Amino acid sequence: MRPKLLAAMLCATLFGCASQSVIPVSNAKRTEAIASMRAAEGAGAARIPEAARHLEFARQQVNNGEELMVDDDMEGAELSFMQADADADLALALARALPLERQAQQTTQQAQSLQRGLQ
């Protein structure tokens, strides 16, 4: 009788462990979001209004993700960190695009000036 009882307890333990879903928040998601925010800050996103807004969204999402981790909502925290990373990437793209846009406008103006001079 004991071997059957032991086998039943072992099976119950294995099924119990297998049925639990564990969603670990990889610290990598949080780290990626923070790294993206720092890259955007380094590119001057804080000086460009639209980029600064997305940088602030990223900060809020990181804070939200950290709060969700404390509340043991790991899936929500991971999603929040992913959103923060996306917002920071957008802030970085906007911060890089503005100087390029200004340079393109200057080059266009110079070309138009040269064209007028040739006529």
N, C-alpha and C. Protein backbone atom coordinates (compact mmCIF):
# COMPACT_ATOMS: atom_id res chain seq x y z
N MET A 1 0.82 -1.19 0.00
CA MET A 1 0.00 0.00 0.00
C MET A 1 0.87 1.26 0.00
N ARG A 2 1.97 1.19 0.68
CA ARG A 2 2.85 2.37 0.75
C ARG A 2 3.39 2.78 -0.61
N PRO A 3 3.82 1.87 -1.45
CA PRO A 3 4.32 2.29 -2.75
C PRO A 3 3.26 3.00 -3.58
N LYS A 4 2.01 2.58 -3.48
CA LYS A 4 0.93 3.24 -4.22
C LYS A 4 0.69 4.64 -3.69
N LEU A 5 0.74 4.78 -2.38
CA LEU A 5 0.55 6.09 -1.76
C LEU A 5 1.69 7.03 -2.15
N LEU A 6 2.91 6.52 -2.12
CA LEU A 6 4.07 7.31 -2.50
C LEU A 6 3.98 7.72 -3.97
N ALA A 7 3.58 6.80 -4.83
CA ALA A 7 3.45 7.11 -6.25
C ALA A 7 2.36 8.15 -6.48
N ALA A 8 1.26 8.04 -5.77
CA ALA A 8 0.17 9.01 -5.91
C ALA A 8 0.61 10.39 -5.47
N MET A 9 1.35 10.46 -4.36
CA MET A 9 1.83 11.76 -3.87
C MET A 9 2.83 12.36 -4.86
N LEU A 10 3.69 11.53 -5.40
CA LEU A 10 4.67 12.00 -6.37
C LEU A 10 3.99 12.54 -7.62
N CYS A 11 2.99 11.82 -8.12
CA CYS A 11 2.24 12.28 -9.31
C CYS A 11 1.52 13.58 -9.04
N ALA A 12 0.90 13.68 -7.87
CA ALA A 12 0.18 14.90 -7.52
C ALA A 12 1.13 16.09 -7.45
N THR A 13 2.31 15.86 -6.90
CA THR A 13 3.30 16.94 -6.81
C THR A 13 3.76 17.36 -8.20
N LEU A 14 4.05 16.40 -9.06
CA LEU A 14 4.51 16.72 -10.41
C LEU A 14 3.44 17.46 -11.21
N PHE A 15 2.19 16.99 -11.12
CA PHE A 15 1.12 17.68 -11.85
C PHE A 15 0.89 19.08 -11.30
N GLY A 16 1.01 19.23 -10.01
CA GLY A 16 0.83 20.55 -9.40
C GLY A 16 1.89 21.53 -9.86
N CYS A 17 3.13 21.06 -9.94
CA CYS A 17 4.22 21.93 -10.39
C CYS A 17 4.10 22.25 -11.87
N ALA A 18 3.69 21.26 -12.64
CA ALA A 18 3.60 21.46 -14.09
C ALA A 18 2.47 22.38 -14.47
N SER A 19 1.43 22.46 -13.65
CA SER A 19 0.28 23.27 -14.03
C SER A 19 0.46 24.74 -13.68
N GLN A 20 1.43 25.07 -12.86
CA GLN A 20 1.64 26.47 -12.51
C GLN A 20 2.36 27.17 -13.65
N SER A 21 1.86 28.30 -14.04
CA SER A 21 2.54 29.06 -15.07
C SER A 21 3.37 30.14 -14.40
N VAL A 22 4.62 30.13 -14.70
CA VAL A 22 5.54 31.10 -14.12
C VAL A 22 5.99 32.01 -15.25
N ILE A 23 5.73 33.28 -15.11
CA ILE A 23 6.12 34.24 -16.13
C ILE A 23 7.18 35.15 -15.52
N PRO A 24 8.44 34.77 -15.66
CA PRO A 24 9.48 35.60 -15.06
C PRO A 24 9.72 36.85 -15.90
N VAL A 25 9.82 37.96 -15.23
CA VAL A 25 10.18 39.18 -15.93
C VAL A 25 11.69 39.17 -16.03
N SER A 26 12.15 39.08 -17.24
CA SER A 26 13.59 39.09 -17.38
C SER A 26 14.07 40.50 -17.09
N ASN A 27 15.09 40.56 -16.30
CA ASN A 27 15.67 41.86 -15.97
C ASN A 27 16.21 42.51 -17.23
N ALA A 28 16.38 41.70 -18.28
CA ALA A 28 16.87 42.23 -19.54
C ALA A 28 15.90 43.25 -20.14
N LYS A 29 14.59 43.02 -20.00
CA LYS A 29 13.61 43.96 -20.56
C LYS A 29 13.74 45.32 -19.89
N ARG A 30 13.88 45.30 -18.57
CA ARG A 30 14.04 46.55 -17.82
C ARG A 30 15.35 47.23 -18.23
N THR A 31 16.42 46.44 -18.32
CA THR A 31 17.72 46.97 -18.69
C THR A 31 17.71 47.56 -20.10
N GLU A 32 17.04 46.87 -21.03
CA GLU A 32 16.94 47.38 -22.40
C GLU A 32 16.21 48.72 -22.43
N ALA A 33 15.14 48.82 -21.67
CA ALA A 33 14.37 50.06 -21.65
C ALA A 33 15.21 51.21 -21.10
N ILE A 34 15.93 50.94 -20.02
CA ILE A 34 16.75 51.99 -19.42
C ILE A 34 17.90 52.37 -20.34
N ALA A 35 18.49 51.39 -21.01
CA ALA A 35 19.57 51.68 -21.96
C ALA A 35 19.05 52.53 -23.13
N SER A 36 17.86 52.22 -23.61
CA SER A 36 17.27 53.00 -24.70
C SER A 36 16.98 54.43 -24.25
N MET A 37 16.53 54.57 -23.01
CA MET A 37 16.28 55.92 -22.48
C MET A 37 17.58 56.72 -22.41
N ARG A 38 18.64 56.09 -21.96
CA ARG A 38 19.93 56.78 -21.86
C ARG A 38 20.47 57.15 -23.24
N ALA A 39 20.26 56.28 -24.20
CA ALA A 39 20.69 56.59 -25.57
C ALA A 39 19.93 57.80 -26.11
N ALA A 40 18.64 57.85 -25.84
CA ALA A 40 17.82 58.98 -26.29
C ALA A 40 18.25 60.27 -25.58
N GLU A 41 18.52 60.17 -24.30
CA GLU A 41 19.00 61.35 -23.57
C GLU A 41 20.33 61.83 -24.13
N GLY A 42 21.21 60.88 -24.46
CA GLY A 42 22.51 61.23 -25.02
C GLY A 42 22.41 61.88 -26.39
N ALA A 43 21.37 61.55 -27.12
CA ALA A 43 21.16 62.13 -28.45
C ALA A 43 20.46 63.48 -28.39
N GLY A 44 20.13 63.93 -27.17
CA GLY A 44 19.50 65.25 -27.02
C GLY A 44 18.00 65.24 -27.10
N ALA A 45 17.37 64.12 -26.81
CA ALA A 45 15.91 64.03 -26.89
C ALA A 45 15.22 65.00 -25.94
N ALA A 46 15.85 65.33 -24.84
CA ALA A 46 15.23 66.23 -23.87
C ALA A 46 15.07 67.65 -24.42
N ARG A 47 15.86 68.00 -25.42
CA ARG A 47 15.79 69.37 -26.00
C ARG A 47 14.80 69.49 -27.13
N ILE A 48 14.25 68.39 -27.59
CA ILE A 48 13.31 68.40 -28.70
C ILE A 48 11.94 68.03 -28.15
N PRO A 49 10.97 68.95 -28.22
CA PRO A 49 9.69 68.73 -27.52
C PRO A 49 9.02 67.39 -27.79
N GLU A 50 8.90 67.00 -29.04
CA GLU A 50 8.20 65.74 -29.33
C GLU A 50 8.99 64.53 -28.81
N ALA A 51 10.30 64.57 -28.95
CA ALA A 51 11.14 63.48 -28.44
C ALA A 51 11.11 63.46 -26.91
N ALA A 52 11.12 64.63 -26.30
CA ALA A 52 11.08 64.72 -24.83
C ALA A 52 9.79 64.11 -24.28
N ARG A 53 8.71 64.30 -25.02
CA ARG A 53 7.43 63.73 -24.58
C ARG A 53 7.49 62.20 -24.56
N HIS A 54 8.07 61.61 -25.59
CA HIS A 54 8.19 60.15 -25.64
C HIS A 54 9.20 59.63 -24.62
N LEU A 55 10.22 60.42 -24.35
CA LEU A 55 11.18 60.06 -23.31
C LEU A 55 10.49 60.04 -21.94
N GLU A 56 9.62 60.99 -21.71
CA GLU A 56 8.86 61.02 -20.46
C GLU A 56 7.89 59.84 -20.38
N PHE A 57 7.28 59.49 -21.49
CA PHE A 57 6.41 58.30 -21.52
C PHE A 57 7.22 57.06 -21.11
N ALA A 58 8.44 56.96 -21.63
CA ALA A 58 9.30 55.82 -21.31
C ALA A 58 9.61 55.78 -19.82
N ARG A 59 9.92 56.93 -19.25
CA ARG A 59 10.19 56.99 -17.80
C ARG A 59 8.98 56.52 -17.00
N GLN A 60 7.81 56.99 -17.41
CA GLN A 60 6.58 56.59 -16.70
C GLN A 60 6.35 55.09 -16.81
N GLN A 61 6.60 54.52 -17.98
CA GLN A 61 6.40 53.09 -18.17
C GLN A 61 7.39 52.26 -17.34
N VAL A 62 8.64 52.73 -17.23
CA VAL A 62 9.61 52.03 -16.39
C VAL A 62 9.15 52.06 -14.94
N ASN A 63 8.73 53.23 -14.47
CA ASN A 63 8.23 53.33 -13.09
C ASN A 63 7.02 52.43 -12.89
N ASN A 64 6.12 52.42 -13.86
CA ASN A 64 4.94 51.56 -13.78
C ASN A 64 5.34 50.09 -13.74
N GLY A 65 6.30 49.71 -14.56
CA GLY A 65 6.77 48.33 -14.58
C GLY A 65 7.39 47.91 -13.25
N GLU A 66 8.13 48.83 -12.64
CA GLU A 66 8.73 48.53 -11.34
C GLU A 66 7.65 48.35 -10.26
N GLU A 67 6.62 49.18 -10.33
CA GLU A 67 5.51 49.04 -9.39
C GLU A 67 4.77 47.71 -9.60
N LEU A 68 4.60 47.33 -10.86
CA LEU A 68 3.93 46.06 -11.16
C LEU A 68 4.76 44.88 -10.66
N MET A 69 6.08 45.00 -10.74
CA MET A 69 6.93 43.93 -10.22
C MET A 69 6.76 43.78 -8.71
N VAL A 70 6.66 44.91 -8.03
CA VAL A 70 6.45 44.86 -6.58
C VAL A 70 5.11 44.20 -6.26
N ASP A 71 4.12 44.44 -7.11
CA ASP A 71 2.79 43.85 -6.91
C ASP A 71 2.70 42.42 -7.47
N ASP A 72 3.80 41.86 -7.91
CA ASP A 72 3.87 40.50 -8.46
C ASP A 72 3.07 40.33 -9.74
N ASP A 73 2.90 41.39 -10.51
CA ASP A 73 2.27 41.28 -11.83
C ASP A 73 3.40 41.28 -12.85
N MET A 74 4.04 40.14 -13.00
CA MET A 74 5.23 40.04 -13.84
C MET A 74 4.92 40.21 -15.32
N GLU A 75 3.78 39.70 -15.76
CA GLU A 75 3.41 39.85 -17.16
C GLU A 75 3.17 41.33 -17.48
N GLY A 76 2.45 42.02 -16.62
CA GLY A 76 2.20 43.44 -16.81
C GLY A 76 3.49 44.25 -16.77
N ALA A 77 4.39 43.87 -15.88
CA ALA A 77 5.67 44.57 -15.77
C ALA A 77 6.48 44.41 -17.05
N GLU A 78 6.51 43.20 -17.58
CA GLU A 78 7.26 42.97 -18.80
C GLU A 78 6.69 43.78 -19.96
N LEU A 79 5.38 43.83 -20.07
CA LEU A 79 4.74 44.63 -21.12
C LEU A 79 5.06 46.11 -20.94
N SER A 80 5.06 46.56 -19.71
CA SER A 80 5.36 47.96 -19.43
C SER A 80 6.80 48.29 -19.83
N PHE A 81 7.74 47.38 -19.53
CA PHE A 81 9.13 47.61 -19.92
C PHE A 81 9.29 47.60 -21.43
N MET A 82 8.54 46.75 -22.10
CA MET A 82 8.60 46.71 -23.56
C MET A 82 8.06 48.02 -24.16
N GLN A 83 6.99 48.55 -23.58
CA GLN A 83 6.45 49.83 -24.04
C GLN A 83 7.45 50.95 -23.79
N ALA A 84 8.10 50.91 -22.63
CA ALA A 84 9.11 51.92 -22.31
C ALA A 84 10.24 51.88 -23.33
N ASP A 85 10.67 50.69 -23.69
CA ASP A 85 11.74 50.54 -24.68
C ASP A 85 11.31 51.12 -26.02
N ALA A 86 10.08 50.85 -26.42
CA ALA A 86 9.58 51.38 -27.70
C ALA A 86 9.49 52.91 -27.67
N ASP A 87 9.00 53.46 -26.57
CA ASP A 87 8.91 54.92 -26.45
C ASP A 87 10.30 55.56 -26.47
N ALA A 88 11.26 54.95 -25.78
CA ALA A 88 12.61 55.48 -25.77
C ALA A 88 13.25 55.39 -27.15
N ASP A 89 13.00 54.29 -27.86
CA ASP A 89 13.52 54.17 -29.23
C ASP A 89 12.93 55.25 -30.14
N LEU A 90 11.66 55.53 -29.97
CA LEU A 90 11.03 56.59 -30.77
C LEU A 90 11.63 57.95 -30.42
N ALA A 91 11.86 58.20 -29.15
CA ALA A 91 12.49 59.46 -28.74
C ALA A 91 13.87 59.59 -29.36
N LEU A 92 14.62 58.51 -29.38
CA LEU A 92 15.95 58.52 -30.00
C LEU A 92 15.86 58.81 -31.49
N ALA A 93 14.93 58.16 -32.17
CA ALA A 93 14.76 58.37 -33.61
C ALA A 93 14.39 59.83 -33.91
N LEU A 94 13.50 60.37 -33.10
CA LEU A 94 13.11 61.77 -33.30
C LEU A 94 14.27 62.72 -33.02
N ALA A 95 15.05 62.41 -32.00
CA ALA A 95 16.20 63.26 -31.66
C ALA A 95 17.25 63.24 -32.76
N ARG A 96 17.39 62.12 -33.43
CA ARG A 96 18.36 62.02 -34.52
C ARG A 96 17.82 62.62 -35.81
N ALA A 97 16.51 62.56 -35.99
CA ALA A 97 15.92 63.01 -37.25
C ALA A 97 15.92 64.53 -37.38
N LEU A 98 15.71 65.24 -36.29
CA LEU A 98 15.61 66.70 -36.37
C LEU A 98 16.88 67.34 -36.92
N PRO A 99 18.07 67.03 -36.42
CA PRO A 99 19.27 67.64 -37.02
C PRO A 99 19.44 67.27 -38.49
N LEU A 100 19.09 66.05 -38.86
CA LEU A 100 19.19 65.67 -40.27
C LEU A 100 18.21 66.45 -41.13
N GLU A 101 17.01 66.67 -40.58
CA GLU A 101 16.02 67.46 -41.32
C GLU A 101 16.51 68.89 -41.52
N ARG A 102 17.08 69.47 -40.48
CA ARG A 102 17.62 70.84 -40.60
C ARG A 102 18.75 70.90 -41.61
N GLN A 103 19.61 69.91 -41.59
CA GLN A 103 20.72 69.86 -42.54
C GLN A 103 20.19 69.73 -43.96
N ALA A 104 19.17 68.93 -44.16
CA ALA A 104 18.57 68.77 -45.49
C ALA A 104 17.97 70.08 -45.98
N GLN A 105 17.30 70.81 -45.07
CA GLN A 105 16.73 72.10 -45.45
C GLN A 105 17.82 73.09 -45.85
N GLN A 106 18.91 73.11 -45.09
CA GLN A 106 20.01 74.02 -45.42
C GLN A 106 20.63 73.67 -46.77
N THR A 107 20.80 72.38 -47.01
CA THR A 107 21.37 71.95 -48.28
C THR A 107 20.44 72.31 -49.44
N THR A 108 19.15 72.17 -49.25
CA THR A 108 18.18 72.53 -50.28
C THR A 108 18.24 74.03 -50.55
N GLN A 109 18.32 74.83 -49.50
CA GLN A 109 18.41 76.29 -49.67
C GLN A 109 19.69 76.68 -50.41
N GLN A 110 20.79 76.02 -50.07
CA GLN A 110 22.04 76.32 -50.75
C GLN A 110 21.96 75.96 -52.23
N ALA A 111 21.34 74.83 -52.52
CA ALA A 111 21.20 74.40 -53.91
C ALA A 111 20.32 75.38 -54.68
N GLN A 112 19.24 75.85 -54.04
CA GLN A 112 18.37 76.82 -54.71
C GLN A 112 19.10 78.14 -54.94
N SER A 113 19.91 78.56 -53.98
CA SER A 113 20.70 79.79 -54.15
C SER A 113 21.68 79.66 -55.30
N LEU A 114 22.34 78.53 -55.38
CA LEU A 114 23.28 78.31 -56.48
C LEU A 114 22.57 78.26 -57.82
N GLN A 115 21.39 77.67 -57.83
CA GLN A 115 20.62 77.58 -59.06
C GLN A 115 20.20 78.97 -59.52
N ARG A 116 19.78 79.81 -58.58
CA ARG A 116 19.39 81.18 -58.93
C ARG A 116 20.59 81.97 -59.45
N GLY A 117 21.75 81.71 -58.88
CA GLY A 117 22.97 82.41 -59.31
C GLY A 117 23.39 82.04 -60.72
N LEU A 118 23.06 80.83 -61.14
CA LEU A 118 23.41 80.38 -62.48
C LEU A 118 22.46 80.91 -63.52
N GLN A 119 21.30 81.33 -63.12
CA GLN A 119 20.31 81.79 -64.10
C GLN A 119 20.51 83.21 -64.48
